[in-house]
PDB file of N, CA and C in Angstrom:
ATOM      1  N   MET A   1     -11.431 -10.462 -21.734  1.00  0.00           N
ATOM      2  CA  MET A   1     -12.183 -10.499 -20.405  1.00  0.00           C
ATOM      3  C   MET A   1     -11.885  -9.638 -20.012  1.00  0.00           C
ATOM      4  N   LEU A   2     -11.095  -8.295 -20.361  1.00  0.00           N
ATOM      5  CA  LEU A   2     -11.364  -7.014 -19.920  1.00  0.00           C
ATOM      6  C   LEU A   2     -11.439  -6.237 -20.238  1.00  0.00           C
ATOM      7  N   GLU A   3     -11.711  -6.218 -21.976  1.00  0.00           N
ATOM      8  CA  GLU A   3     -12.312  -5.107 -22.787  1.00  0.00           C
ATOM      9  C   GLU A   3     -13.150  -4.202 -22.517  1.00  0.00           C
ATOM     10  N   TRP A   4     -14.114  -4.848 -21.809  1.00  0.00           N
ATOM     11  CA  TRP A   4     -15.307  -4.127 -21.410  1.00  0.00           C
ATOM     12  C   TRP A   4     -15.153  -2.486 -20.958  1.00  0.00           C
ATOM     13  N   MET A   5     -13.705  -2.586 -20.016  1.00  0.00           N
ATOM     14  CA  MET A   5     -13.744  -1.821 -19.194  1.00  0.00           C
ATOM     15  C   MET A   5     -12.249  -0.785 -19.370  1.00  0.00           C
ATOM     16  N   ALA A   6     -11.410  -1.538 -20.433  1.00  0.00           N
ATOM     17  CA  ALA A   6     -10.358  -0.602 -21.669  1.00  0.00           C
ATOM     18  C   ALA A   6      -9.320  -1.015 -20.441  1.00  0.00           C
ATOM     19  N   TRP A   7      -9.354  -2.222 -19.854  1.00  0.00           N
ATOM     20  CA  TRP A   7      -7.852  -2.313 -18.539  1.00  0.00           C
ATOM     21  C   TRP A   7      -6.736  -3.421 -19.186  1.00  0.00           C
ATOM     22  N   THR A   8      -6.309  -2.388 -18.396  1.00  0.00           N
ATOM     23  CA  THR A   8      -4.384  -3.840 -18.713  1.00  0.00           C
ATOM     24  C   THR A   8      -4.020  -4.521 -17.625  1.00  0.00           C
ATOM     25  N   TRP A   9      -3.899  -5.846 -18.151  1.00  0.00           N
ATOM     26  CA  TRP A   9      -3.432  -6.582 -17.446  1.00  0.00           C
ATOM     27  C   TRP A   9      -2.967  -5.667 -15.794  1.00  0.00           C
ATOM     28  N   PRO A  10      -1.722  -4.910 -15.563  1.00  0.00           N
ATOM     29  CA  PRO A  10      -1.163  -4.217 -14.444  1.00  0.00           C
ATOM     30  C   PRO A  10      -2.311  -3.454 -13.952  1.00  0.00           C
ATOM     31  N   THR A  11      -3.283  -3.083 -14.491  1.00  0.00           N
ATOM     32  CA  THR A  11      -4.245  -2.334 -13.973  1.00  0.00           C
ATOM     33  C   THR A  11      -5.307  -3.257 -12.391  1.00  0.00           C
ATOM     34  N   ALA A  12      -5.820  -4.147 -13.711  1.00  0.00           N
ATOM     35  CA  ALA A  12      -6.405  -5.342 -13.225  1.00  0.00           C
ATOM     36  C   ALA A  12      -5.546  -6.262 -11.773  1.00  0.00           C
ATOM     37  N   ALA A  13      -4.127  -6.381 -11.631  1.00  0.00           N
ATOM     38  CA  ALA A  13      -3.323  -6.782 -11.064  1.00  0.00           C
ATOM     39  C   ALA A  13      -3.464  -5.623  -9.540  1.00  0.00           C
ATOM     40  N   PHE A  14      -2.936  -4.730  -9.813  1.00  0.00           N
ATOM     41  CA  PHE A  14      -3.333  -3.650  -9.320  1.00  0.00           C
ATOM     42  C   PHE A  14      -4.534  -3.892  -8.213  1.00  0.00           C
ATOM     43  N   PHE A  15      -5.761  -3.737  -8.975  1.00  0.00           N
ATOM     44  CA  PHE A  15      -6.980  -4.020  -7.952  1.00  0.00           C
ATOM     45  C   PHE A  15      -7.374  -4.859  -7.310  1.00  0.00           C
ATOM     46  N   ILE A  16      -6.931  -6.630  -7.704  1.00  0.00           N
ATOM     47  CA  ILE A  16      -6.816  -7.272  -7.175  1.00  0.00           C
ATOM     48  C   ILE A  16      -6.032  -7.544  -6.346  1.00  0.00           C
ATOM     49  N   VAL A  17      -4.528  -6.822  -5.879  1.00  0.00           N
ATOM     50  CA  VAL A  17      -3.331  -7.272  -5.295  1.00  0.00           C
ATOM     51  C   VAL A  17      -4.295  -6.555  -3.986  1.00  0.00           C
ATOM     52  N   ILE A  18      -5.241  -4.639  -4.324  1.00  0.00           N
ATOM     53  CA  ILE A  18      -5.721  -3.965  -2.736  1.00  0.00           C
ATOM     54  C   ILE A  18      -6.332  -4.844  -2.189  1.00  0.00           C
ATOM     55  N   ALA A  19      -7.400  -6.046  -3.001  1.00  0.00           N
ATOM     56  CA  ALA A  19      -8.660  -6.628  -2.786  1.00  0.00           C
ATOM     57  C   ALA A  19      -7.901  -7.600  -1.556  1.00  0.00           C
ATOM     58  N   VAL A  20      -6.629  -8.464  -2.577  1.00  0.00           N
ATOM     59  CA  VAL A  20      -6.239  -9.317  -1.328  1.00  0.00           C
ATOM     60  C   VAL A  20      -5.943  -9.041   0.008  1.00  0.00           C
ATOM     61  N   LEU A  21      -5.272  -7.594  -0.296  1.00  0.00           N
ATOM     62  CA  LEU A  21      -4.869  -7.033   1.066  1.00  0.00           C
ATOM     63  C   LEU A  21      -5.700  -6.769   1.843  1.00  0.00           C
ATOM     64  N   LEU A  22      -7.019  -6.207   1.440  1.00  0.00           N
ATOM     65  CA  LEU A  22      -8.036  -5.938   2.609  1.00  0.00           C
ATOM     66  C   LEU A  22      -8.772  -7.134   2.615  1.00  0.00           C
ATOM     67  N   THR A  23      -8.847  -8.344   2.481  1.00  0.00           N
ATOM     68  CA  THR A  23      -9.017  -9.491   2.545  1.00  0.00           C
ATOM     69  C   THR A  23      -8.170 -10.080   3.765  1.00  0.00           C
ATOM     70  N   THR A  24      -6.876  -9.965   3.265  1.00  0.00           N
ATOM     71  CA  THR A  24      -6.311 -10.134   4.828  1.00  0.00           C
ATOM     72  C   THR A  24      -6.238  -9.489   5.384  1.00  0.00           C
ATOM     73  N   LEU A  25      -6.327  -8.093   5.481  1.00  0.00           N
ATOM     74  CA  LEU A  25      -6.908  -7.536   6.797  1.00  0.00           C
ATOM     75  C   LEU A  25      -7.664  -7.950   7.448  1.00  0.00           C
ATOM     76  N   THR A  26      -8.643  -8.031   6.822  1.00  0.00           N
ATOM     77  CA  THR A  26     -10.550  -8.495   7.607  1.00  0.00           C
ATOM     78  C   THR A  26     -10.209  -9.863   7.945  1.00  0.00           C
ATOM     79  N   VAL A  27      -9.108 -11.252   7.881  1.00  0.00           N
ATOM     80  CA  VAL A  27      -9.126 -12.234   8.387  1.00  0.00           C
ATOM     81  C   VAL A  27      -8.578 -11.754  10.051  1.00  0.00           C
ATOM     82  N   LEU A  28      -7.084 -11.138   9.392  1.00  0.00           N
ATOM     83  CA  LEU A  28      -6.526 -10.993  10.433  1.00  0.00           C
ATOM     84  C   LEU A  28      -7.044 -10.018  11.661  1.00  0.00           C
ATOM     85  N   ALA A  29      -7.818  -9.333  11.532  1.00  0.00           N
ATOM     86  CA  ALA A  29      -8.984  -8.599  12.440  1.00  0.00           C
ATOM     87  C   ALA A  29      -9.966  -9.608  13.160  1.00  0.00           C
ATOM     88  N   ILE A  30     -10.345 -10.476  12.452  1.00  0.00           N
ATOM     89  CA  ILE A  30     -10.963 -11.100  13.090  1.00  0.00           C
ATOM     90  C   ILE A  30     -10.582 -12.064  13.855  1.00  0.00           C
ATOM     91  N   ARG A  31      -9.114 -13.063  13.317  1.00  0.00           N
ATOM     92  CA  ARG A  31      -8.405 -13.867  13.863  1.00  0.00           C
ATOM     93  C   ARG A  31      -7.802 -13.388  15.399  1.00  0.00           C
ATOM     94  N   TYR A  32      -6.686 -11.854  14.818  1.00  0.00           N
ATOM     95  CA  TYR A  32      -6.268 -11.153  16.249  1.00  0.00           C
ATOM     96  C   TYR A  32      -6.552  -9.674  16.232  1.00  0.00           C
ATOM     97  N   PRO A  33      -7.113  -9.794  17.133  1.00  0.00           N
ATOM     98  CA  PRO A  33      -7.999  -8.355  17.221  1.00  0.00           C
ATOM     99  C   PRO A  33      -7.344  -7.058  17.347  1.00  0.00           C
ATOM    100  N   GLU A  34      -7.469  -6.587  16.894  1.00  0.00           N
ATOM    101  CA  GLU A  34      -6.517  -5.047  16.403  1.00  0.00           C
ATOM    102  C   GLU A  34      -6.543  -4.191  17.960  1.00  0.00           C
ATOM    103  N   VAL A  35      -5.337  -4.106  18.405  1.00  0.00           N
ATOM    104  CA  VAL A  35      -4.973  -2.882  19.322  1.00  0.00           C
ATOM    105  C   VAL A  35      -4.627  -2.098  18.629  1.00  0.00           C
ATOM    106  N   PRO A  36      -4.749  -0.616  19.195  1.00  0.00           N
ATOM    107  CA  PRO A  36      -4.561   0.696  17.902  1.00  0.00           C
ATOM    108  C   PRO A  36      -3.306   0.600  18.621  1.00  0.00           C
ATOM    109  N   ARG A  37      -2.464   1.464  18.040  1.00  0.00           N
ATOM    110  CA  ARG A  37      -0.557   1.425  19.163  1.00  0.00           C
ATOM    111  C   ARG A  37      -0.558   2.908  18.259  1.00  0.00           C
ATOM    112  N   LYS A  38       0.762   3.783  19.057  1.00  0.00           N
ATOM    113  CA  LYS A  38       0.925   4.978  18.814  1.00  0.00           C
ATOM    114  C   LYS A  38       2.110   5.005  18.884  1.00  0.00           C
ATOM    115  N   GLY A  39       2.945   5.456  17.712  1.00  0.00           N
ATOM    116  CA  GLY A  39       3.992   5.453  16.330  1.00  0.00           C
ATOM    117  C   GLY A  39       4.722   6.255  16.683  1.00  0.00           C
ATOM    118  N   VAL A  40       5.892   6.677  15.306  1.00  0.00           N
ATOM    119  CA  VAL A  40       6.739   8.087  15.232  1.00  0.00           C
ATOM    120  C   VAL A  40       5.394   9.638  14.963  1.00  0.00           C
ATOM    121  N   LEU A  41       5.074   8.620  14.631  1.00  0.00           N
ATOM    122  CA  LEU A  41       3.291  10.286  14.241  1.00  0.00           C
ATOM    123  C   LEU A  41       2.654  10.704  15.554  1.00  0.00           C
ATOM    124  N   ARG A  42       2.921   9.428  16.902  1.00  0.00           N
ATOM    125  CA  ARG A  42       1.926   9.517  17.959  1.00  0.00           C
ATOM    126  C   ARG A  42       0.894  10.310  18.055  1.00  0.00           C
ATOM    127  N   ILE A  43       0.338   9.284  16.760  1.00  0.00           N
ATOM    128  CA  ILE A  43      -1.359   8.822  17.034  1.00  0.00           C
ATOM    129  C   ILE A  43      -1.868   7.533  16.766  1.00  0.00           C
ATOM    130  N   GLU A  44      -2.894   7.645  17.024  1.00  0.00           N
ATOM    131  CA  GLU A  44      -3.344   5.949  17.200  1.00  0.00           C
ATOM    132  C   GLU A  44      -3.550   5.261  15.972  1.00  0.00           C
ATOM    133  N   THR A  45      -2.336   4.316  15.859  1.00  0.00           N
ATOM    134  CA  THR A  45      -3.586   3.786  14.036  1.00  0.00           C
ATOM    135  C   THR A  45      -3.573   2.276  14.096  1.00  0.00           C
ATOM    136  N   THR A  46      -4.118   1.959  13.350  1.00  0.00           N
ATOM    137  CA  THR A  46      -4.615   0.703  13.368  1.00  0.00           C
ATOM    138  C   THR A  46      -3.765  -0.347  12.082  1.00  0.00           C
ATOM    139  N   ARG A  47      -4.242  -1.828  11.932  1.00  0.00           N
ATOM    140  CA  ARG A  47      -3.018  -1.922  10.354  1.00  0.00           C
ATOM    141  C   ARG A  47      -3.968  -1.517   9.639  1.00  0.00           C
ATOM    142  N   GLY A  48      -5.541  -1.118   9.268  1.00  0.00           N
ATOM    143  CA  GLY A  48      -6.491  -0.620   8.037  1.00  0.00           C
ATOM    144  C   GLY A  48      -5.455   1.069   7.873  1.00  0.00           C
ATOM    145  N   ASP A  49      -4.918   1.105   9.249  1.00  0.00           N
ATOM    146  CA  ASP A  49      -4.469   2.923   8.737  1.00  0.00           C
ATOM    147  C   ASP A  49      -2.990   2.439   8.074  1.00  0.00           C
ATOM    148  N   ARG A  50      -2.574   1.943   8.827  1.00  0.00           N
ATOM    149  CA  ARG A  50      -1.568   1.468   8.451  1.00  0.00           C
ATOM    150  C   ARG A  50      -1.405   1.790   6.812  1.00  0.00           C
ATOM    151  N   LEU A  51      -2.065   0.665   6.608  1.00  0.00           N
ATOM    152  CA  LEU A  51      -2.062   0.189   5.061  1.00  0.00           C
ATOM    153  C   LEU A  51      -2.872   1.837   4.275  1.00  0.00           C
ATOM    154  N   PHE A  52      -3.717   2.197   4.650  1.00  0.00           N
ATOM    155  CA  PHE A  52      -3.856   4.119   3.852  1.00  0.00           C
ATOM    156  C   PHE A  52      -2.834   4.524   3.538  1.00  0.00           C
ATOM    157  N   ILE A  53      -2.013   4.411   4.631  1.00  0.00           N
ATOM    158  CA  ILE A  53      -0.872   5.828   5.251  1.00  0.00           C
ATOM    159  C   ILE A  53       0.267   4.977   4.028  1.00  0.00           C
ATOM    160  N   THR A  54       0.398   3.451   3.715  1.00  0.00           N
ATOM    161  CA  THR A  54       1.601   2.834   3.025  1.00  0.00           C
ATOM    162  C   THR A  54       1.133   3.483   1.542  1.00  0.00           C
ATOM    163  N   LEU A  55      -1.099   3.050   1.095  1.00  0.00           N
ATOM    164  CA  LEU A  55      -1.037   3.378  -0.569  1.00  0.00           C
ATOM    165  C   LEU A  55      -0.925   4.437  -0.272  1.00  0.00           C
ATOM    166  N   LEU A  56      -1.166   5.791   0.210  1.00  0.00           N
ATOM    167  CA  LEU A  56      -1.253   6.851   0.099  1.00  0.00           C
ATOM    168  C   LEU A  56       0.502   7.190  -0.734  1.00  0.00           C
ATOM    169  N   GLY A  57       1.608   6.871   0.720  1.00  0.00           N
ATOM    170  CA  GLY A  57       2.626   7.138   0.193  1.00  0.00           C
ATOM    171  C   GLY A  57       3.304   6.822  -1.192  1.00  0.00           C
ATOM    172  N   SER A  58       3.168   5.705  -1.813  1.00  0.00           N
ATOM    173  CA  SER A  58       3.301   4.779  -2.152  1.00  0.00           C
ATOM    174  C   SER A  58       2.982   5.774  -3.797  1.00  0.00           C
ATOM    175  N   ALA A  59       1.623   5.495  -3.430  1.00  0.00           N
ATOM    176  CA  ALA A  59       1.508   7.122  -4.937  1.00  0.00           C
ATOM    177  C   ALA A  59       2.398   8.015  -5.187  1.00  0.00           C
ATOM    178  N   PHE A  60       2.619   8.647  -3.867  1.00  0.00           N
ATOM    179  CA  PHE A  60       3.067   9.915  -3.683  1.00  0.00           C
ATOM    180  C   PHE A  60       4.738   9.509  -4.616  1.00  0.00           C
ATOM    181  N   ILE A  61       5.395   8.624  -3.844  1.00  0.00           N
ATOM    182  CA  ILE A  61       6.740   7.852  -4.077  1.00  0.00           C
ATOM    183  C   ILE A  61       6.826   7.955  -6.020  1.00  0.00           C
ATOM    184  N   ASN A  62       5.777   6.059  -6.079  1.00  0.00           N
ATOM    185  CA  ASN A  62       5.351   6.770  -7.733  1.00  0.00           C
ATOM    186  C   ASN A  62       5.634   7.851  -8.272  1.00  0.00           C
ATOM    187  N   LEU A  63       4.824   9.044  -7.946  1.00  0.00           N
ATOM    188  CA  LEU A  63       4.330   9.955  -8.871  1.00  0.00           C
ATOM    189  C   LEU A  63       5.791  11.108  -8.922  1.00  0.00           C
ATOM    190  N   ALA A  64       6.674  10.917  -7.477  1.00  0.00           N
ATOM    191  CA  ALA A  64       7.361  11.647  -7.727  1.00  0.00           C
ATOM    192  C   ALA A  64       8.753  11.040  -8.678  1.00  0.00           C
ATOM    193  N   TRP A  65       8.244   9.506  -8.675  1.00  0.00           N
ATOM    194  CA  TRP A  65       9.317   8.926  -9.521  1.00  0.00           C
ATOM    195  C   TRP A  65       9.588   9.288 -10.683  1.00  0.00           C
ATOM    196  N   LEU A  66       7.870   9.110 -11.398  1.00  0.00           N
ATOM    197  CA  LEU A  66       7.987   9.575 -12.840  1.00  0.00           C
ATOM    198  C   LEU A  66       8.314  11.216 -13.114  1.00  0.00           C
ATOM    199  N   GLY A  67       8.264  12.082 -11.742  1.00  0.00           N
ATOM    200  CA  GLY A  67       7.822  13.160 -12.625  1.00  0.00           C
ATOM    201  C   GLY A  67       9.973  14.115 -11.964  1.00  0.00           C
ATOM    202  N   LEU A  68      10.123  13.258 -11.224  1.00  0.00           N
ATOM    203  CA  LEU A  68      11.339  13.311 -11.429  1.00  0.00           C
ATOM    204  C   LEU A  68      13.145  12.671 -12.631  1.00  0.00           C
ATOM    205  N   GLU A  69      12.135  11.658 -13.386  1.00  0.00           N
ATOM    206  CA  GLU A  69      12.752  10.720 -13.844  1.00  0.00           C
ATOM    207  C   GLU A  69      13.567  10.037 -13.417  1.00  0.00           C
ATOM    208  N   LEU A  70      13.583   9.090 -12.385  1.00  0.00           N
ATOM    209  CA  LEU A  70      15.020   9.083 -11.154  1.00  0.00           C
ATOM    210  C   LEU A  70      15.242   7.274 -12.261  1.00  0.00           C
ATOM    211  N   GLY A  71      14.727   6.807 -13.092  1.00  0.00           N
ATOM    212  CA  GLY A  71      15.012   5.722 -13.659  1.00  0.00           C
ATOM    213  C   GLY A  71      13.879   4.378 -14.048  1.00  0.00           C
ATOM    214  N   PRO A  72      14.224   3.520 -14.081  1.00  0.00           N
ATOM    215  CA  PRO A  72      13.080   2.412 -14.651  1.00  0.00           C
ATOM    216  C   PRO A  72      12.351   2.527 -13.810  1.00  0.00           C
ATOM    217  N   GLN A  73      10.350   2.265 -14.038  1.00  0.00           N
ATOM    218  CA  GLN A  73      10.151   2.400 -12.618  1.00  0.00           C
ATOM    219  C   GLN A  73       9.843   1.033 -11.547  1.00  0.00           C
ATOM    220  N   PRO A  74      10.151  -0.013 -12.153  1.00  0.00           N
ATOM    221  CA  PRO A  74      10.565  -0.915 -11.180  1.00  0.00           C
ATOM    222  C   PRO A  74      10.975  -1.000 -10.010  1.00  0.00           C
ATOM    223  N   TYR A  75      11.736  -0.012 -10.362  1.00  0.00           N
ATOM    224  CA  TYR A  75      12.490   0.628  -9.063  1.00  0.00           C
ATOM    225  C   TYR A  75      11.887   0.807  -8.386  1.00  0.00           C
ATOM    226  N   ALA A  76      10.731   1.777  -8.621  1.00  0.00           N
ATOM    227  CA  ALA A  76      10.192   2.691  -7.202  1.00  0.00           C
ATOM    228  C   ALA A  76       9.263   1.525  -6.132  1.00  0.00           C
ATOM    229  N   LEU A  77       9.116   0.133  -7.267  1.00  0.00           N
ATOM    230  CA  LEU A  77       8.400  -0.798  -6.488  1.00  0.00           C
ATOM    231  C   LEU A  77       9.461  -1.244  -4.966  1.00  0.00           C
ATOM    232  N   ILE A  78      11.020  -1.165  -5.698  1.00  0.00           N
ATOM    233  CA  ILE A  78      11.488  -1.542  -4.129  1.00  0.00           C
ATOM    234  C   ILE A  78      11.164  -0.697  -3.061  1.00  0.00           C
ATOM    235  N   VAL A  79      11.443   0.466  -3.656  1.00  0.00           N
ATOM    236  CA  VAL A  79      11.581   1.860  -3.036  1.00  0.00           C
ATOM    237  C   VAL A  79      10.432   1.685  -1.873  1.00  0.00           C
ATOM    238  N   CYS A  80       8.621   1.522  -2.536  1.00  0.00           N
ATOM    239  CA  CYS A  80       7.792   1.058  -2.074  1.00  0.00           C
ATOM    240  C   CYS A  80       7.363   0.630  -0.775  1.00  0.00           C
ATOM    241  N   LEU A  81       8.494  -1.383  -1.201  1.00  0.00           N
ATOM    242  CA  LEU A  81       7.771  -1.309  -0.482  1.00  0.00           C
ATOM    243  C   LEU A  81       8.736  -1.960   0.336  1.00  0.00           C
ATOM    244  N   VAL A  82      10.162  -1.039   0.728  1.00  0.00           N
ATOM    245  CA  VAL A  82      10.587  -0.373   2.041  1.00  0.00           C
ATOM    246  C   VAL A  82      10.165   0.874   2.966  1.00  0.00           C
ATOM    247  N   TYR A  83       9.112   1.816   2.085  1.00  0.00           N
ATOM    248  CA  TYR A  83       8.353   2.524   2.612  1.00  0.00           C
ATOM    249  C   TYR A  83       7.424   1.851   3.608  1.00  0.00           C
ATOM    250  N   ALA A  84       7.109   0.739   2.991  1.00  0.00           N
ATOM    251  CA  ALA A  84       6.039  -0.012   3.712  1.00  0.00           C
ATOM    252  C   ALA A  84       6.122  -0.934   4.987  1.00  0.00           C
ATOM    253  N   ALA A  85       7.577  -1.550   4.956  1.00  0.00           N
ATOM    254  CA  ALA A  85       7.991  -2.072   6.101  1.00  0.00           C
ATOM    255  C   ALA A  85       8.175  -1.187   6.785  1.00  0.00           C
ATOM    256  N   ALA A  86       8.854  -0.080   6.506  1.00  0.00           N
ATOM    257  CA  ALA A  86       8.874   1.013   8.226  1.00  0.00           C
ATOM    258  C   ALA A  86       7.320   1.971   8.699  1.00  0.00           C
ATOM    259  N   VAL A  87       6.388   1.788   7.622  1.00  0.00           N
ATOM    260  CA  VAL A  87       5.126   2.374   8.316  1.00  0.00           C
ATOM    261  C   VAL A  87       4.497   1.541   8.606  1.00  0.00           C
ATOM    262  N   PHE A  88       4.892  -0.235   8.651  1.00  0.00           N
ATOM    263  CA  PHE A  88       3.926  -0.837   9.346  1.00  0.00           C
ATOM    264  C   PHE A  88       4.441  -1.144  10.489  1.00  0.00           C
ATOM    265  N   ARG A  89       6.297  -1.094  10.717  1.00  0.00           N
ATOM    266  CA  ARG A  89       7.618  -0.995  11.995  1.00  0.00           C
ATOM    267  C   ARG A  89       7.227  -0.180  12.725  1.00  0.00           C
ATOM    268  N   TRP A  90       6.783   1.128  12.088  1.00  0.00           N
ATOM    269  CA  TRP A  90       7.523   2.808  13.012  1.00  0.00           C
ATOM    270  C   TRP A  90       6.078   3.499  13.343  1.00  0.00           C
ATOM    271  N   VAL A  91       4.986   3.047  12.210  1.00  0.00           N
ATOM    272  CA  VAL A  91       3.695   4.221  12.564  1.00  0.00           C
ATOM    273  C   VAL A  91       2.367   3.625  12.820  1.00  0.00           C
TER     274      VAL A  91
END
């Protein structure tokens, strides 16, 4: 099924998760209109902004994890989830 683009299942799962996140944020924005808020960065952010900050930071966490050889890569996912919770809570 994924041969046409030489995708692996983890790659497909990554993009499926991103699509689900964007769909969820769209539904939340419709049901509960967004109110920008100021967090520790002192800039107004919405849910979408915080998702972007989370995804960008998670990419850097994973790259650093690989580059510094800090251990098995699944442990980086745990760090990314903690980071995501912090961003959505305080940014």
